[in-house]
């Protein structure tokens, strides 16, 4: 049997992680969702950005396919010390690495 302190602290725990799934739409594809090759071109973005991230050594984000809609990024946020500045860095880095796509 657990004492009351353990039970209370156990019940007060919030979420311990969060999966964030998204596509990075590069400048060349923004506003072109109706193009016939949009999803094919969008699917090629994540692998290119992943390669650039690894070469730069700035961050590492996984990606995976989503049926006909192509590859999307999947970020697992599991660090309680993560800040808004950390997430801003992630988004700014994607924008920087993908500005010419």
N, C-alpha and C. Protein backbone atom coordinates (compact mmCIF):
# COMPACT_ATOMS: atom_id res chain seq x y z
N UNK A 1 0.84 -1.18 0.00
CA UNK A 1 0.00 0.00 0.00
C UNK A 1 0.89 1.24 0.00
N UNK A 2 0.50 2.26 -0.81
CA UNK A 2 1.28 3.50 -0.91
C UNK A 2 0.80 4.49 0.12
N UNK A 3 1.73 5.34 0.58
CA UNK A 3 1.29 6.38 1.52
C UNK A 3 0.64 7.53 0.74
N UNK A 4 -0.05 8.40 1.42
CA UNK A 4 -0.79 9.49 0.78
C UNK A 4 0.08 10.46 0.01
N UNK A 5 1.30 10.69 0.47
CA UNK A 5 2.19 11.62 -0.22
C UNK A 5 2.55 11.08 -1.60
N UNK A 6 2.90 9.83 -1.70
CA UNK A 6 3.25 9.24 -2.99
C UNK A 6 2.05 9.29 -3.93
N UNK A 7 0.90 8.89 -3.44
CA UNK A 7 -0.29 8.87 -4.29
C UNK A 7 -0.60 10.26 -4.81
N UNK A 8 -0.51 11.27 -3.97
CA UNK A 8 -0.83 12.63 -4.41
C UNK A 8 0.17 13.10 -5.45
N UNK A 9 1.46 12.90 -5.21
CA UNK A 9 2.45 13.37 -6.17
C UNK A 9 2.33 12.59 -7.47
N UNK A 10 1.99 11.35 -7.41
CA UNK A 10 1.83 10.55 -8.62
C UNK A 10 0.65 11.06 -9.45
N UNK A 11 -0.43 11.44 -8.80
CA UNK A 11 -1.61 11.92 -9.51
C UNK A 11 -1.41 13.30 -10.10
N UNK A 12 -0.49 14.08 -9.57
CA UNK A 12 -0.28 15.44 -10.06
C UNK A 12 0.64 15.52 -11.26
N UNK A 13 1.21 14.41 -11.68
CA UNK A 13 2.10 14.44 -12.83
C UNK A 13 1.33 14.80 -14.09
N UNK A 14 1.89 15.70 -14.86
CA UNK A 14 1.28 16.07 -16.14
C UNK A 14 1.86 15.22 -17.25
N UNK A 15 1.60 15.62 -18.49
CA UNK A 15 2.16 14.86 -19.62
C UNK A 15 3.68 14.82 -19.54
N UNK A 16 4.25 13.70 -19.92
CA UNK A 16 5.69 13.55 -19.86
C UNK A 16 6.36 13.70 -21.22
N UNK A 17 5.60 13.68 -22.29
CA UNK A 17 6.17 13.88 -23.61
C UNK A 17 5.07 14.31 -24.57
N UNK A 18 5.49 14.78 -25.73
CA UNK A 18 4.55 15.24 -26.73
C UNK A 18 5.14 14.94 -28.10
N UNK A 19 4.37 14.36 -28.98
CA UNK A 19 4.78 14.17 -30.37
C UNK A 19 4.24 15.33 -31.18
N UNK A 20 5.11 15.98 -31.93
CA UNK A 20 4.70 17.07 -32.80
C UNK A 20 5.05 16.65 -34.22
N UNK A 21 4.02 16.54 -35.05
CA UNK A 21 4.20 16.11 -36.44
C UNK A 21 3.84 17.27 -37.36
N UNK A 22 4.71 17.54 -38.35
CA UNK A 22 4.47 18.68 -39.23
C UNK A 22 5.27 18.54 -40.51
N UNK A 23 4.85 19.29 -41.52
CA UNK A 23 5.61 19.41 -42.75
C UNK A 23 6.27 20.78 -42.74
N UNK A 24 7.49 20.85 -43.23
CA UNK A 24 8.12 22.14 -43.49
C UNK A 24 7.85 22.43 -44.96
N UNK A 25 7.14 23.51 -45.23
CA UNK A 25 6.84 23.89 -46.61
C UNK A 25 7.86 24.97 -47.00
N UNK A 26 8.75 24.63 -47.93
CA UNK A 26 9.78 25.59 -48.31
C UNK A 26 9.18 26.74 -49.13
N UNK A 27 9.92 27.84 -49.25
CA UNK A 27 9.40 28.99 -49.98
C UNK A 27 8.88 28.67 -51.39
N UNK A 28 9.54 27.78 -52.09
CA UNK A 28 9.12 27.47 -53.47
C UNK A 28 7.78 26.75 -53.56
N UNK A 29 7.29 26.19 -52.44
CA UNK A 29 6.01 25.47 -52.46
C UNK A 29 4.90 26.22 -51.73
N UNK A 30 5.21 27.30 -51.08
CA UNK A 30 4.20 28.03 -50.32
C UNK A 30 3.15 28.62 -51.25
N UNK A 31 1.89 28.36 -50.91
CA UNK A 31 0.78 28.84 -51.72
C UNK A 31 0.52 28.03 -52.98
N UNK A 32 1.17 26.89 -53.12
CA UNK A 32 1.03 26.07 -54.34
C UNK A 32 0.42 24.70 -54.04
N UNK A 33 -0.41 24.63 -53.01
CA UNK A 33 -1.01 23.36 -52.60
C UNK A 33 -1.85 22.72 -53.70
N UNK A 34 -2.31 23.50 -54.67
CA UNK A 34 -3.14 22.96 -55.75
C UNK A 34 -2.33 22.45 -56.93
N UNK A 35 -1.02 22.59 -56.89
CA UNK A 35 -0.17 22.09 -57.98
C UNK A 35 -0.24 20.56 -58.02
N UNK A 36 -0.27 19.97 -59.21
CA UNK A 36 -0.39 18.51 -59.30
C UNK A 36 0.78 17.75 -58.68
N UNK A 37 1.96 18.33 -58.64
CA UNK A 37 3.13 17.64 -58.08
C UNK A 37 3.49 18.13 -56.68
N UNK A 38 2.58 18.86 -56.03
CA UNK A 38 2.86 19.45 -54.72
C UNK A 38 3.31 18.41 -53.70
N UNK A 39 2.52 17.35 -53.51
CA UNK A 39 2.85 16.36 -52.47
C UNK A 39 4.12 15.60 -52.81
N UNK A 40 4.36 15.35 -54.07
CA UNK A 40 5.60 14.68 -54.47
C UNK A 40 6.82 15.55 -54.13
N UNK A 41 6.73 16.83 -54.44
CA UNK A 41 7.83 17.75 -54.14
C UNK A 41 7.98 17.95 -52.63
N UNK A 42 6.86 18.07 -51.92
CA UNK A 42 6.90 18.26 -50.46
C UNK A 42 7.53 17.05 -49.78
N UNK A 43 7.29 15.87 -50.30
CA UNK A 43 7.84 14.64 -49.73
C UNK A 43 9.36 14.61 -49.76
N UNK A 44 9.95 15.32 -50.69
CA UNK A 44 11.42 15.33 -50.84
C UNK A 44 12.10 16.32 -49.90
N UNK A 45 11.33 17.19 -49.27
CA UNK A 45 11.89 18.24 -48.42
C UNK A 45 12.52 17.67 -47.15
N UNK A 46 11.80 16.83 -46.43
CA UNK A 46 12.29 16.32 -45.14
C UNK A 46 13.63 15.58 -45.27
N UNK A 47 13.80 14.69 -46.26
CA UNK A 47 15.10 14.02 -46.37
C UNK A 47 16.25 14.99 -46.64
N UNK A 48 16.00 16.01 -47.46
CA UNK A 48 17.05 16.99 -47.75
C UNK A 48 17.40 17.78 -46.50
N UNK A 49 16.38 18.22 -45.77
CA UNK A 49 16.64 18.98 -44.55
C UNK A 49 17.33 18.13 -43.49
N UNK A 50 16.93 16.88 -43.39
CA UNK A 50 17.57 15.98 -42.42
C UNK A 50 19.06 15.86 -42.74
N UNK A 51 19.40 15.67 -44.00
CA UNK A 51 20.80 15.57 -44.40
C UNK A 51 21.56 16.85 -44.06
N UNK A 52 20.96 18.00 -44.29
CA UNK A 52 21.60 19.27 -43.99
C UNK A 52 21.79 19.44 -42.47
N UNK A 53 20.81 19.02 -41.68
CA UNK A 53 20.92 19.11 -40.22
C UNK A 53 22.11 18.30 -39.73
N UNK A 54 22.21 17.08 -40.26
CA UNK A 54 23.29 16.18 -39.83
C UNK A 54 24.65 16.76 -40.21
N UNK A 55 24.76 17.27 -41.44
CA UNK A 55 26.03 17.85 -41.89
C UNK A 55 26.41 19.08 -41.07
N UNK A 56 25.43 19.89 -40.71
CA UNK A 56 25.68 21.08 -39.89
C UNK A 56 25.92 20.71 -38.44
N UNK A 57 25.32 19.62 -37.99
CA UNK A 57 25.42 19.22 -36.59
C UNK A 57 24.58 20.07 -35.66
N UNK A 58 23.57 20.73 -36.22
CA UNK A 58 22.78 21.66 -35.42
C UNK A 58 21.63 21.00 -34.66
N UNK A 59 21.05 19.97 -35.23
CA UNK A 59 19.95 19.26 -34.58
C UNK A 59 19.64 18.01 -35.39
N UNK A 60 18.79 17.16 -34.83
CA UNK A 60 18.40 15.96 -35.54
C UNK A 60 16.92 15.72 -35.28
N UNK A 61 16.16 15.71 -36.35
CA UNK A 61 14.71 15.48 -36.28
C UNK A 61 14.41 14.30 -37.19
N UNK A 62 13.58 13.40 -36.72
CA UNK A 62 13.18 12.27 -37.54
C UNK A 62 12.06 12.64 -38.49
N UNK A 63 11.94 11.86 -39.55
CA UNK A 63 10.82 12.04 -40.47
C UNK A 63 10.32 10.66 -40.88
N UNK A 64 9.11 10.63 -41.38
CA UNK A 64 8.52 9.39 -41.86
C UNK A 64 7.42 9.72 -42.85
N UNK A 65 7.03 8.76 -43.68
CA UNK A 65 6.01 9.03 -44.69
C UNK A 65 4.60 9.02 -44.12
N UNK A 66 3.72 9.72 -44.79
CA UNK A 66 2.30 9.74 -44.44
C UNK A 66 1.51 9.47 -45.73
N UNK A 67 1.48 8.22 -46.14
CA UNK A 67 0.74 7.84 -47.34
C UNK A 67 1.09 8.69 -48.54
N UNK A 68 0.10 9.12 -49.29
CA UNK A 68 0.37 9.90 -50.51
C UNK A 68 0.81 11.33 -50.22
N UNK A 69 0.73 11.75 -48.97
CA UNK A 69 1.10 13.13 -48.62
C UNK A 69 2.59 13.28 -48.37
N UNK A 70 3.33 12.21 -48.39
CA UNK A 70 4.77 12.30 -48.30
C UNK A 70 5.34 12.37 -46.90
N UNK A 71 6.64 12.59 -46.84
CA UNK A 71 7.38 12.61 -45.58
C UNK A 71 7.06 13.83 -44.75
N UNK A 72 6.89 13.61 -43.44
CA UNK A 72 6.69 14.71 -42.51
C UNK A 72 7.66 14.55 -41.35
N UNK A 73 7.95 15.66 -40.68
CA UNK A 73 8.82 15.63 -39.52
C UNK A 73 8.03 15.19 -38.30
N UNK A 74 8.72 14.48 -37.41
CA UNK A 74 8.12 14.04 -36.15
C UNK A 74 9.11 14.35 -35.04
N UNK A 75 8.75 15.30 -34.20
CA UNK A 75 9.60 15.72 -33.08
C UNK A 75 8.97 15.18 -31.80
N UNK A 76 9.75 14.46 -31.01
CA UNK A 76 9.28 13.99 -29.72
C UNK A 76 9.88 14.90 -28.66
N UNK A 77 9.02 15.65 -28.00
CA UNK A 77 9.46 16.58 -26.96
C UNK A 77 9.33 15.84 -25.63
N UNK A 78 10.47 15.53 -25.02
CA UNK A 78 10.47 14.74 -23.79
C UNK A 78 11.34 15.36 -22.70
N UNK A 79 11.72 16.59 -22.88
CA UNK A 79 12.60 17.25 -21.93
C UNK A 79 11.83 18.34 -21.20
N UNK A 80 11.61 18.21 -19.90
CA UNK A 80 10.86 19.23 -19.18
C UNK A 80 11.58 20.57 -19.10
N UNK A 81 12.87 20.60 -19.41
CA UNK A 81 13.62 21.84 -19.37
C UNK A 81 13.56 22.59 -20.70
N UNK A 82 12.88 22.04 -21.68
CA UNK A 82 12.75 22.68 -22.99
C UNK A 82 12.06 24.03 -22.84
N UNK A 83 12.56 25.02 -23.56
CA UNK A 83 11.99 26.36 -23.48
C UNK A 83 11.40 26.78 -24.82
N UNK A 84 10.69 27.87 -24.81
CA UNK A 84 10.18 28.44 -26.06
C UNK A 84 11.34 28.80 -26.98
N UNK A 85 12.43 29.27 -26.39
CA UNK A 85 13.62 29.61 -27.19
C UNK A 85 14.17 28.38 -27.92
N UNK A 86 14.10 27.22 -27.27
CA UNK A 86 14.55 25.98 -27.91
C UNK A 86 13.68 25.67 -29.13
N UNK A 87 12.37 25.82 -28.98
CA UNK A 87 11.46 25.55 -30.09
C UNK A 87 11.63 26.60 -31.19
N UNK A 88 11.87 27.84 -30.80
CA UNK A 88 12.14 28.88 -31.80
C UNK A 88 13.39 28.53 -32.59
N UNK A 89 14.43 28.03 -31.91
CA UNK A 89 15.65 27.63 -32.60
C UNK A 89 15.33 26.56 -33.63
N UNK A 90 14.56 25.55 -33.25
CA UNK A 90 14.21 24.47 -34.16
C UNK A 90 13.54 25.02 -35.42
N UNK A 91 12.55 25.87 -35.24
CA UNK A 91 11.82 26.42 -36.39
C UNK A 91 12.70 27.35 -37.22
N UNK A 92 13.49 28.17 -36.57
CA UNK A 92 14.39 29.07 -37.30
C UNK A 92 15.45 28.30 -38.07
N UNK A 93 15.93 27.21 -37.49
CA UNK A 93 16.94 26.38 -38.16
C UNK A 93 16.35 25.71 -39.39
N UNK A 94 15.13 25.20 -39.28
CA UNK A 94 14.46 24.63 -40.45
C UNK A 94 14.32 25.68 -41.55
N UNK A 95 13.91 26.86 -41.17
CA UNK A 95 13.75 27.95 -42.16
C UNK A 95 15.09 28.28 -42.80
N UNK A 96 16.14 28.36 -42.01
CA UNK A 96 17.47 28.68 -42.54
C UNK A 96 17.97 27.60 -43.49
N UNK A 97 17.84 26.34 -43.06
CA UNK A 97 18.34 25.24 -43.89
C UNK A 97 17.49 24.99 -45.13
N UNK A 98 16.24 25.42 -45.10
CA UNK A 98 15.35 25.15 -46.23
C UNK A 98 15.00 26.35 -47.07
N UNK A 99 15.70 27.46 -46.87
CA UNK A 99 15.35 28.69 -47.59
C UNK A 99 15.52 28.59 -49.10
N UNK A 100 16.39 27.71 -49.57
CA UNK A 100 16.64 27.61 -51.01
C UNK A 100 15.86 26.46 -51.66
N UNK A 101 15.02 25.77 -50.91
CA UNK A 101 14.28 24.64 -51.47
C UNK A 101 12.98 25.11 -52.13
